[in-house]
Amino acid sequence: MINFAVTLFVLTFTFQALASEREEAIEAFLSSKHVKQAFVAQKAKGNVATDLPEAAQLAGGCGFGGCEYKYIVTVAFTSQGSNNQMYAVAALVHIVPAHMGKARVKVISAEKVLSLGTN
């Protein structure tokens, strides 16, 4: 019974830690001046964000110095009118332990990803 309680505690703590790291990745993404510039460029073309940012963990681990994670964070934009086009603003976000500084954000895409034309 004690092993079950300990396992449940560890899983709950791990899930909460991952949720906060995910939110930190999204916050770093939204705060990045390069991401903001990509958003302005998409809006200048008349494109509209279709959803809130999404984040997926690509890598991560913990050691004596703390934990660090890598996430890909994206926001999709679509063009207006017929034959809609979809564009993605995506960035690789590297979350590092607090004593190593702020999260690093590298924009990797602001390109067209697919056509949503109808037949």
Protein backbone atom coordinates (compact mmCIF):
# COMPACT_ATOMS: atom_id res chain seq x y z
CA MET A 1 0.00 0.00 0.00
CA ILE A 2 2.86 2.39 0.78
CA ASN A 3 4.46 1.69 -2.61
CA PHE A 4 1.18 2.55 -4.34
CA ALA A 5 0.90 5.84 -2.38
CA VAL A 6 4.50 6.77 -3.19
CA THR A 7 4.01 5.92 -6.88
CA LEU A 8 0.82 7.98 -7.00
CA PHE A 9 2.60 10.94 -5.35
CA VAL A 10 5.52 10.73 -7.79
CA LEU A 11 3.21 10.53 -10.82
CA THR A 12 1.13 13.47 -9.57
CA PHE A 13 4.25 15.57 -8.87
CA THR A 14 5.72 14.68 -12.29
CA PHE A 15 2.50 15.61 -14.11
CA GLN A 16 2.31 18.95 -12.26
CA ALA A 17 5.96 19.69 -13.03
CA LEU A 18 5.45 18.92 -16.72
CA ALA A 19 2.31 21.08 -16.82
CA SER A 20 4.19 24.04 -15.33
CA GLU A 21 7.15 23.51 -17.69
CA ARG A 22 4.72 23.41 -20.62
CA GLU A 23 3.13 26.67 -19.49
CA GLU A 24 6.58 28.22 -19.04
CA ALA A 25 7.44 27.19 -22.61
CA ILE A 26 4.25 28.80 -23.94
CA GLU A 27 4.93 31.98 -21.93
CA ALA A 28 8.51 32.17 -23.25
CA PHE A 29 7.17 31.65 -26.80
CA LEU A 30 4.61 34.45 -26.46
CA SER A 31 7.22 36.77 -24.89
CA SER A 32 9.82 36.28 -27.63
CA LYS A 33 10.36 39.36 -29.80
CA HIS A 34 10.92 37.12 -32.84
CA VAL A 35 7.60 35.35 -32.29
CA LYS A 36 5.88 38.70 -31.84
CA GLN A 37 7.41 39.86 -35.14
CA ALA A 38 6.14 36.70 -36.85
CA PHE A 39 2.65 37.34 -35.44
CA VAL A 40 2.71 40.94 -36.73
CA ALA A 41 3.80 39.69 -40.17
CA GLN A 42 0.96 37.15 -40.29
CA LYS A 43 -1.61 39.74 -39.19
CA ALA A 44 -0.26 42.23 -41.76
CA LYS A 45 -1.08 39.66 -44.45
CA GLY A 46 -4.64 39.49 -43.12
CA ASN A 47 -4.16 36.08 -41.52
CA VAL A 48 -5.95 35.20 -38.27
CA ALA A 49 -4.77 32.96 -35.43
CA THR A 50 -7.01 29.90 -35.34
CA ASP A 51 -6.22 28.70 -31.82
CA LEU A 52 -4.18 29.25 -28.68
CA PRO A 53 -0.52 28.16 -28.63
CA GLU A 54 0.09 24.44 -28.32
CA ALA A 55 3.25 22.89 -26.86
CA ALA A 56 4.69 19.40 -27.17
CA GLN A 57 7.69 18.20 -25.17
CA LEU A 58 10.51 16.92 -27.36
CA ALA A 59 13.15 16.16 -24.72
CA GLY A 60 13.90 16.65 -21.07
CA GLY A 61 15.67 15.40 -18.04
CA CYS A 62 16.85 16.22 -14.55
CA GLY A 63 20.25 16.13 -12.94
CA PHE A 64 22.09 17.65 -10.01
CA GLY A 65 21.87 21.13 -11.57
CA GLY A 66 18.11 20.97 -12.05
CA CYS A 67 15.76 20.04 -14.87
CA GLU A 68 15.70 21.21 -18.46
CA TYR A 69 13.23 20.58 -21.23
CA LYS A 70 12.79 21.25 -24.93
CA TYR A 71 9.37 22.01 -26.36
CA ILE A 72 8.05 22.86 -29.78
CA VAL A 73 5.39 25.54 -29.47
CA THR A 74 3.12 26.48 -32.37
CA VAL A 75 0.26 28.78 -33.33
CA ALA A 76 -1.69 28.25 -36.56
CA PHE A 77 -2.89 31.16 -38.71
CA THR A 78 -5.31 30.98 -41.64
CA SER A 79 -5.90 33.33 -44.51
CA GLN A 80 -9.33 34.82 -45.10
CA GLY A 81 -11.67 34.20 -48.05
CA SER A 82 -11.98 31.24 -50.36
CA ASN A 83 -9.15 28.73 -50.80
CA ASN A 84 -7.86 29.33 -47.29
CA GLN A 85 -4.19 28.78 -46.61
CA MET A 86 -2.82 27.74 -43.23
CA TYR A 87 0.44 29.06 -41.82
CA ALA A 88 2.30 28.05 -38.67
CA VAL A 89 4.47 30.11 -36.39
CA ALA A 90 6.61 27.58 -34.55
CA ALA A 91 9.54 27.83 -32.18
CA LEU A 92 11.84 25.50 -30.32
CA VAL A 93 11.82 26.53 -26.64
CA HIS A 94 14.59 25.35 -24.32
CA ILE A 95 13.61 25.62 -20.64
CA VAL A 96 16.66 25.66 -18.37
CA PRO A 97 17.05 25.67 -14.57
CA ALA A 98 16.49 29.13 -13.06
CA HIS A 99 20.13 29.53 -12.03
CA MET A 100 21.17 29.14 -15.70
CA GLY A 101 19.10 32.07 -16.94
CA LYS A 102 15.95 32.54 -18.95
CA ALA A 103 14.34 30.14 -21.42
CA ARG A 104 15.76 30.29 -24.93
CA VAL A 105 13.38 30.59 -27.89
CA LYS A 106 14.35 29.88 -31.50
CA VAL A 107 11.71 30.54 -34.18
CA ILE A 108 11.88 27.67 -36.65
CA SER A 109 8.92 28.34 -38.95
CA ALA A 110 6.49 30.97 -40.14
CA GLU A 111 5.71 29.20 -43.39
CA LYS A 112 2.67 27.84 -45.14
CA VAL A 113 1.90 24.32 -43.94
CA LEU A 114 -1.07 23.25 -46.03
CA SER A 115 -3.90 24.40 -48.26
CA LEU A 116 -7.47 24.14 -47.02
CA GLY A 117 -9.14 24.56 -50.39
CA THR A 118 -12.46 22.81 -51.00
CA ASN A 119 -13.34 20.59 -53.95
